[in-house]
Amino acid sequence: MLAERIHTFGQAMLKKHGERVHKIALDAGFTCPNRDGSKGVGGCTFCNNKSFAPGAREPASLAAQFVRARGRIAKRTGARRFLAYFQAYTNTYAHVDELRALYDQALAEPGVIGLAVGTRPDCVPPPVLDLLAEYRQRGHEVWLELGLQSSFDTTLARVNRGHGFAEYEAAAKAVRLRGIPLCCHLIVGLPGEDASHNHVSLERVLDAGVDGLKLHPLHVVKHTKLAIEWKRGEYAPLPEAEYVRIAADLIERTPWEVVFHRVTGTAAPDILLAPAWCAKKWDVLNGIALELERRGTRQGARAGMAWEAEHAA
């Protein structure tokens, strides 16, 4: 069982709040600075936001999104307490007064005990961080999720992120100085990267200080630049077994106190082009659990070990 070998977000929330807490993913109609021209155009080469936010770009009202989500959650888990997860695009990319109004609206929904806010390292100015810290001081559960994806500036430039690792380090420092729990997103299988890049990125993120992690396999979805590269044979996705192996390596090297919010990611079948295994979440999760079991290990078992030294010739 995965939860026996990984410190999952579900476990952490159950222990802290005494019952299951479920994230409700929301689309508040934001855009990104590398889409609207302020940093670039076209967005990240891999990004079709529908891959993690169905209905994106024509979002219903927040209230309507909550109603739909609660119906699904009632059938699946029966959870009664929720985090409002501002997920689609860059959810701090607005004036702080606008953000306060949106966050307050979400927190007023029945059963909502806090916020999870997904954004970019270059879009967390002091007033926004002060606002999130204020919610924490009021007793709300608050997580800031920063999409880093890779710590290598060459990779970030290649996928059109519009920021570098220095922006992430500065943001992480500012976030942690305010006592806001920080979750970092890392992608495995980015163009030009192999396992060694993933290990270095993890080590750099841990060195900067982090409270949570999300691991994602890179998948190719329709209407993206990456899809064009894949069709031309310029990009080959990772095989499932390779992703499972790398994910297990990273989990082993992550201290137990760091919470894994996710160790894989999926895309909707109607937009997923490759790899096909990214449509089968539970196959991947079970594969990671079995790999850790096969090794007789768990999260944190090899924390602090330098991957480069271990694999030196």
Protein backbone atom coordinates (compact mmCIF):
# COMPACT_ATOMS: atom_id res chain seq x y z
CA MET A 1 0.00 0.00 0.00
CA LEU A 2 1.40 3.37 -1.08
CA ALA A 3 0.47 5.20 2.15
CA GLU A 4 2.64 2.79 4.15
CA ARG A 5 5.73 3.84 2.23
CA ILE A 6 5.04 7.50 1.39
CA HIS A 7 4.00 10.42 3.61
CA THR A 8 0.95 11.43 1.60
CA PHE A 9 -1.06 14.63 1.75
CA GLY A 10 -4.13 12.63 2.71
CA GLN A 11 -2.31 11.13 5.68
CA ALA A 12 -0.99 14.50 6.79
CA MET A 13 -4.43 16.14 6.68
CA LEU A 14 -6.11 13.20 8.46
CA LYS A 15 -3.58 13.36 11.26
CA LYS A 16 -3.84 17.14 11.61
CA HIS A 17 -7.61 17.58 11.27
CA GLY A 18 -8.93 14.23 12.46
CA GLU A 19 -10.84 13.50 9.27
CA ARG A 20 -10.40 13.32 5.53
CA VAL A 21 -9.71 16.65 3.79
CA HIS A 22 -10.22 16.87 0.04
CA LYS A 23 -8.89 19.47 -2.39
CA ILE A 24 -11.51 20.99 -4.71
CA ALA A 25 -9.81 22.12 -7.91
CA LEU A 26 -11.00 25.51 -9.13
CA ASP A 27 -10.56 27.61 -12.25
CA ALA A 28 -10.90 31.29 -11.36
CA GLY A 29 -10.19 32.51 -14.91
CA PHE A 30 -6.55 33.51 -14.48
CA THR A 31 -3.94 33.60 -17.23
CA CYS A 32 -0.10 33.46 -17.08
CA PRO A 33 2.65 36.03 -17.72
CA ASN A 34 4.13 33.80 -20.40
CA ARG A 35 0.78 33.72 -22.18
CA ASP A 36 -0.38 37.33 -22.05
CA GLY A 37 2.85 38.83 -23.38
CA SER A 38 4.29 40.28 -20.18
CA LYS A 39 6.94 37.53 -20.12
CA GLY A 40 6.18 35.68 -23.33
CA VAL A 41 3.45 34.18 -25.48
CA GLY A 42 2.20 30.67 -26.10
CA GLY A 43 2.70 29.43 -22.56
CA CYS A 44 4.81 26.43 -21.58
CA THR A 45 5.41 24.06 -24.47
CA PHE A 46 3.65 21.23 -22.63
CA CYS A 47 0.68 23.18 -21.30
CA ASN A 48 -2.90 22.63 -22.32
CA ASN A 49 -4.61 23.60 -19.09
CA LYS A 50 -7.49 21.24 -19.78
CA SER A 51 -5.08 18.43 -18.93
CA PHE A 52 -5.58 19.24 -15.26
CA ALA A 53 -8.57 21.58 -15.25
CA PRO A 54 -11.50 20.23 -17.27
CA GLY A 55 -13.66 23.01 -18.64
CA ALA A 56 -10.75 25.45 -18.61
CA ARG A 57 -11.05 28.83 -20.28
CA GLU A 58 -14.82 28.98 -19.85
CA PRO A 59 -15.01 28.38 -16.11
CA ALA A 60 -18.30 28.31 -14.27
CA SER A 61 -18.71 30.48 -11.19
CA LEU A 62 -16.77 29.36 -8.14
CA ALA A 63 -20.05 28.48 -6.41
CA ALA A 64 -21.09 26.24 -9.32
CA GLN A 65 -17.68 24.56 -9.36
CA PHE A 66 -18.02 23.79 -5.66
CA VAL A 67 -21.48 22.26 -6.17
CA ARG A 68 -20.22 19.95 -8.93
CA ALA A 69 -17.13 18.96 -6.98
CA ARG A 70 -19.05 18.18 -3.83
CA GLY A 71 -21.32 15.87 -5.78
CA ARG A 72 -18.36 13.92 -7.13
CA ILE A 73 -16.58 13.80 -3.78
CA ALA A 74 -19.71 12.60 -1.95
CA LYS A 75 -19.83 9.56 -4.25
CA ARG A 76 -16.10 8.81 -4.08
CA THR A 77 -14.83 9.57 -0.57
CA GLY A 78 -17.55 11.19 1.50
CA ALA A 79 -15.16 13.93 2.67
CA ARG A 80 -16.81 16.85 4.45
CA ARG A 81 -13.86 19.21 4.82
CA PHE A 82 -12.13 20.83 1.88
CA LEU A 83 -9.32 22.99 0.64
CA ALA A 84 -10.19 25.40 -2.14
CA TYR A 85 -7.49 24.56 -4.68
CA PHE A 86 -6.93 27.45 -7.09
CA GLN A 87 -5.30 25.32 -9.75
CA ALA A 88 -5.71 26.54 -13.32
CA TYR A 89 -2.94 28.79 -14.64
CA THR A 90 -1.32 31.39 -12.32
CA ASN A 91 -3.56 31.99 -9.32
CA THR A 92 -1.68 34.92 -7.79
CA TYR A 93 -1.49 36.85 -11.07
CA ALA A 94 -3.79 39.74 -10.13
CA HIS A 95 -3.96 42.69 -7.76
CA VAL A 96 -4.00 41.61 -4.14
CA ASP A 97 -7.48 43.10 -3.61
CA GLU A 98 -8.88 40.93 -6.40
CA LEU A 99 -7.16 37.91 -4.93
CA ARG A 100 -8.56 38.62 -1.48
CA ALA A 101 -12.09 38.77 -2.90
CA LEU A 102 -11.69 35.42 -4.69
CA TYR A 103 -10.03 33.67 -1.76
CA ASP A 104 -12.63 35.03 0.69
CA GLN A 105 -15.41 33.79 -1.56
CA ALA A 106 -13.93 30.30 -1.60
CA LEU A 107 -13.34 30.26 2.16
CA ALA A 108 -17.00 31.19 2.73
CA GLU A 109 -18.15 27.95 1.08
CA PRO A 110 -19.48 25.29 3.50
CA GLY A 111 -16.81 22.92 4.74
CA VAL A 112 -13.87 24.84 3.29
CA ILE A 113 -11.09 25.06 5.88
CA GLY A 114 -8.33 26.58 3.78
CA LEU A 115 -6.61 27.28 0.50
CA ALA A 116 -4.13 25.66 -1.84
CA VAL A 117 -2.90 28.21 -4.37
CA GLY A 118 -1.01 27.15 -7.48
CA THR A 119 1.28 29.73 -9.09
CA ARG A 120 4.71 30.52 -10.50
CA PRO A 121 7.89 31.53 -8.65
CA ASP A 122 7.91 34.92 -10.38
CA CYS A 123 4.33 35.80 -9.38
CA VAL A 124 4.44 35.93 -5.58
CA PRO A 125 5.10 39.57 -4.61
CA PRO A 126 5.21 40.51 -0.90
CA PRO A 127 1.58 41.75 -0.69
CA VAL A 128 0.32 38.38 -1.96
CA LEU A 129 2.49 36.44 0.48
CA ASP A 130 1.37 38.73 3.30
CA LEU A 131 -2.25 37.95 2.38
CA LEU A 132 -1.65 34.20 2.52
CA ALA A 133 0.18 34.58 5.82
CA GLU A 134 -2.82 36.50 7.14
CA TYR A 135 -5.12 33.58 6.32
CA ARG A 136 -2.73 31.27 8.16
CA GLN A 137 -2.79 33.54 11.18
CA ARG A 138 -6.59 33.31 11.20
CA GLY A 139 -6.30 29.53 11.54
CA HIS A 140 -6.91 28.47 7.93
CA GLU A 141 -4.96 25.64 6.32
CA VAL A 142 -2.89 27.29 3.57
CA TRP A 143 -0.51 25.80 1.00
CA LEU A 144 1.32 27.71 -1.71
CA GLU A 145 2.18 25.49 -4.67
CA LEU A 146 5.03 26.72 -6.88
CA GLY A 147 5.44 25.18 -10.32
CA LEU A 148 9.18 24.86 -10.76
CA GLN A 149 9.30 21.70 -12.93
CA SER A 150 13.12 21.73 -13.23
CA SER A 151 16.01 23.51 -11.52
CA PHE A 152 17.95 23.73 -14.80
CA ASP A 153 17.66 27.09 -16.53
CA THR A 154 18.41 25.54 -19.94
CA THR A 155 15.42 23.23 -19.54
CA LEU A 156 13.18 26.03 -18.28
CA ALA A 157 14.11 28.13 -21.31
CA ARG A 158 13.53 25.19 -23.65
CA VAL A 159 9.96 24.69 -22.39
CA ASN A 160 9.26 28.46 -22.33
CA ARG A 161 8.73 28.83 -18.59
CA GLY A 162 9.77 32.49 -18.55
CA HIS A 163 11.70 32.23 -15.26
CA GLY A 164 14.81 30.57 -13.89
CA PHE A 165 15.81 28.72 -10.74
CA ALA A 166 16.98 31.95 -9.07
CA GLU A 167 13.38 33.19 -9.01
CA TYR A 168 12.32 29.96 -7.34
CA GLU A 169 15.01 30.23 -4.66
CA ALA A 170 14.02 33.82 -3.88
CA ALA A 171 10.33 32.92 -3.75
CA ALA A 172 10.95 29.89 -1.53
CA LYS A 173 12.90 32.01 0.93
CA ALA A 174 10.18 34.67 1.07
CA VAL A 175 7.44 32.08 1.47
CA ARG A 176 9.16 30.21 4.28
CA LEU A 177 10.08 33.41 6.14
CA ARG A 178 6.33 34.00 6.48
CA GLY A 179 5.66 30.47 7.70
CA ILE A 180 3.54 29.51 4.69
CA PRO A 181 3.75 25.79 3.81
CA LEU A 182 5.38 25.40 0.40
CA CYS A 183 4.72 22.66 -2.14
CA CYS A 184 7.00 22.40 -5.18
CA HIS A 185 6.01 20.80 -8.49
CA LEU A 186 8.66 18.81 -10.40
CA ILE A 187 8.23 17.15 -13.81
CA VAL A 188 10.03 13.94 -14.72
CA GLY A 189 10.82 13.37 -18.40
CA LEU A 190 11.32 16.94 -19.62
CA PRO A 191 13.07 17.34 -23.00
CA GLY A 192 16.83 17.03 -22.68
CA GLU A 193 16.71 15.68 -19.13
CA ASP A 194 17.42 12.26 -17.63
CA ALA A 195 17.33 10.82 -14.12
CA SER A 196 20.42 12.75 -13.07
CA HIS A 197 18.64 16.06 -13.72
CA ASN A 198 15.67 14.95 -11.62
CA HIS A 199 17.94 14.05 -8.71
CA VAL A 200 19.78 17.36 -8.84
CA SER A 201 16.51 19.29 -9.02
CA LEU A 202 15.21 17.46 -5.98
CA GLU A 203 18.41 18.14 -4.03
CA ARG A 204 18.27 21.85 -4.90
CA VAL A 205 14.63 22.11 -3.88
CA LEU A 206 15.30 20.34 -0.57
CA ASP A 207 18.27 22.63 0.05
CA ALA A 208 16.06 25.69 -0.54
CA GLY A 209 13.54 24.34 1.96
CA VAL A 210 10.19 22.76 1.11
CA ASP A 211 7.22 21.26 2.95
CA GLY A 212 5.53 19.35 0.12
CA LEU A 213 6.25 17.93 -3.31
CA LYS A 214 4.31 16.99 -6.42
CA LEU A 215 5.86 14.69 -9.02
CA HIS A 216 4.42 14.58 -12.54
CA PRO A 217 5.39 12.54 -15.59
CA LEU A 218 5.54 14.74 -18.69
CA HIS A 219 2.69 13.80 -20.98
CA VAL A 220 1.97 15.04 -24.49
CA VAL A 221 -1.45 16.60 -24.94
CA LYS A 222 -3.20 18.12 -27.93
CA HIS A 223 -2.81 21.74 -28.96
CA THR A 224 0.68 22.23 -27.49
CA LYS A 225 4.10 22.87 -28.95
CA LEU A 226 5.28 19.66 -27.31
CA ALA A 227 2.68 17.77 -29.35
CA ILE A 228 4.25 19.15 -32.53
CA GLU A 229 7.72 18.13 -31.35
CA TRP A 230 6.45 14.64 -30.50
CA LYS A 231 4.80 14.21 -33.90
CA ARG A 232 8.07 15.21 -35.57
CA GLY A 233 9.97 12.64 -33.53
CA GLU A 234 11.84 15.36 -31.63
CA TYR A 235 10.57 14.23 -28.23
CA ALA A 236 10.05 10.72 -26.84
CA PRO A 237 8.08 10.27 -23.58
CA LEU A 238 9.43 8.09 -20.79
CA PRO A 239 8.32 4.46 -20.60
CA GLU A 240 6.17 3.73 -17.56
CA ALA A 241 8.83 1.51 -15.95
CA GLU A 242 11.40 4.30 -16.22
CA TYR A 243 9.07 6.82 -14.59
CA VAL A 244 8.28 4.38 -11.78
CA ARG A 245 11.99 3.81 -11.16
CA ILE A 246 12.85 7.52 -11.09
CA ALA A 247 9.85 8.37 -8.90
CA ALA A 248 10.88 5.67 -6.42
CA ASP A 249 14.44 7.03 -6.39
CA LEU A 250 13.19 10.55 -5.63
CA ILE A 251 10.81 9.34 -2.94
CA GLU A 252 13.61 7.43 -1.21
CA ARG A 253 15.72 10.59 -1.13
CA THR A 254 12.98 12.82 0.26
CA PRO A 255 12.89 13.22 4.06
CA TRP A 256 9.79 11.71 5.66
CA GLU A 257 8.58 15.05 7.02
CA VAL A 258 8.07 16.37 3.47
CA VAL A 259 4.50 15.67 2.33
CA PHE A 260 3.87 14.21 -1.12
CA HIS A 261 0.74 15.83 -2.54
CA ARG A 262 1.07 13.73 -5.69
CA VAL A 263 3.49 11.20 -7.19
CA THR A 264 2.00 10.95 -10.67
CA GLY A 265 -0.32 12.85 -12.98
CA THR A 266 -2.87 12.02 -15.64
CA ALA A 267 -4.50 13.71 -18.61
CA ALA A 268 -8.01 13.36 -19.97
CA PRO A 269 -8.27 10.66 -22.67
CA ASP A 270 -9.75 13.12 -25.16
CA ILE A 271 -6.58 15.23 -25.20
CA LEU A 272 -3.82 12.78 -24.23
CA LEU A 273 -1.52 11.84 -27.12
CA ALA A 274 1.33 10.06 -25.32
CA PRO A 275 2.34 8.10 -23.37
CA ALA A 276 -0.83 5.99 -23.07
CA TRP A 277 0.08 4.92 -19.53
CA CYS A 278 -0.52 8.48 -18.30
CA ALA A 279 -4.25 7.75 -18.53
CA LYS A 280 -3.95 5.00 -15.91
CA LYS A 281 -3.29 6.69 -12.59
CA TRP A 282 -3.74 3.66 -10.37
CA ASP A 283 -1.48 1.46 -12.50
CA VAL A 284 1.32 3.98 -11.95
CA LEU A 285 0.62 4.41 -8.23
CA ASN A 286 0.54 0.65 -7.74
CA GLY A 287 3.75 0.37 -9.75
CA ILE A 288 5.53 2.85 -7.47
CA ALA A 289 4.25 1.06 -4.36
CA LEU A 290 5.41 -2.31 -5.72
CA GLU A 291 8.82 -0.89 -6.65
CA LEU A 292 9.34 0.48 -3.14
CA GLU A 293 8.18 -2.83 -1.70
CA ARG A 294 10.55 -4.74 -3.99
CA ARG A 295 13.42 -2.58 -2.73
CA GLY A 296 12.30 -2.99 0.87
CA THR A 297 12.36 0.76 1.30
CA ARG A 298 10.20 3.84 1.78
CA GLN A 299 10.30 7.62 1.69
CA GLY A 300 13.38 9.03 3.38
CA ALA A 301 15.32 5.75 3.40
CA ARG A 302 18.12 7.35 1.38
CA ALA A 303 17.59 11.00 2.25
CA GLY A 304 20.79 13.04 2.08
CA MET A 305 22.56 10.65 -0.28
CA ALA A 306 24.21 12.36 -3.26
CA TRP A 307 23.01 10.65 -6.41
CA GLU A 308 26.08 11.73 -8.42
CA ALA A 309 28.50 10.18 -5.94
CA GLU A 310 26.48 6.98 -5.77
CA HIS A 311 26.51 6.63 -9.56
CA ALA A 312 30.07 7.85 -10.21
CA ALA A 313 32.18 5.59 -12.39
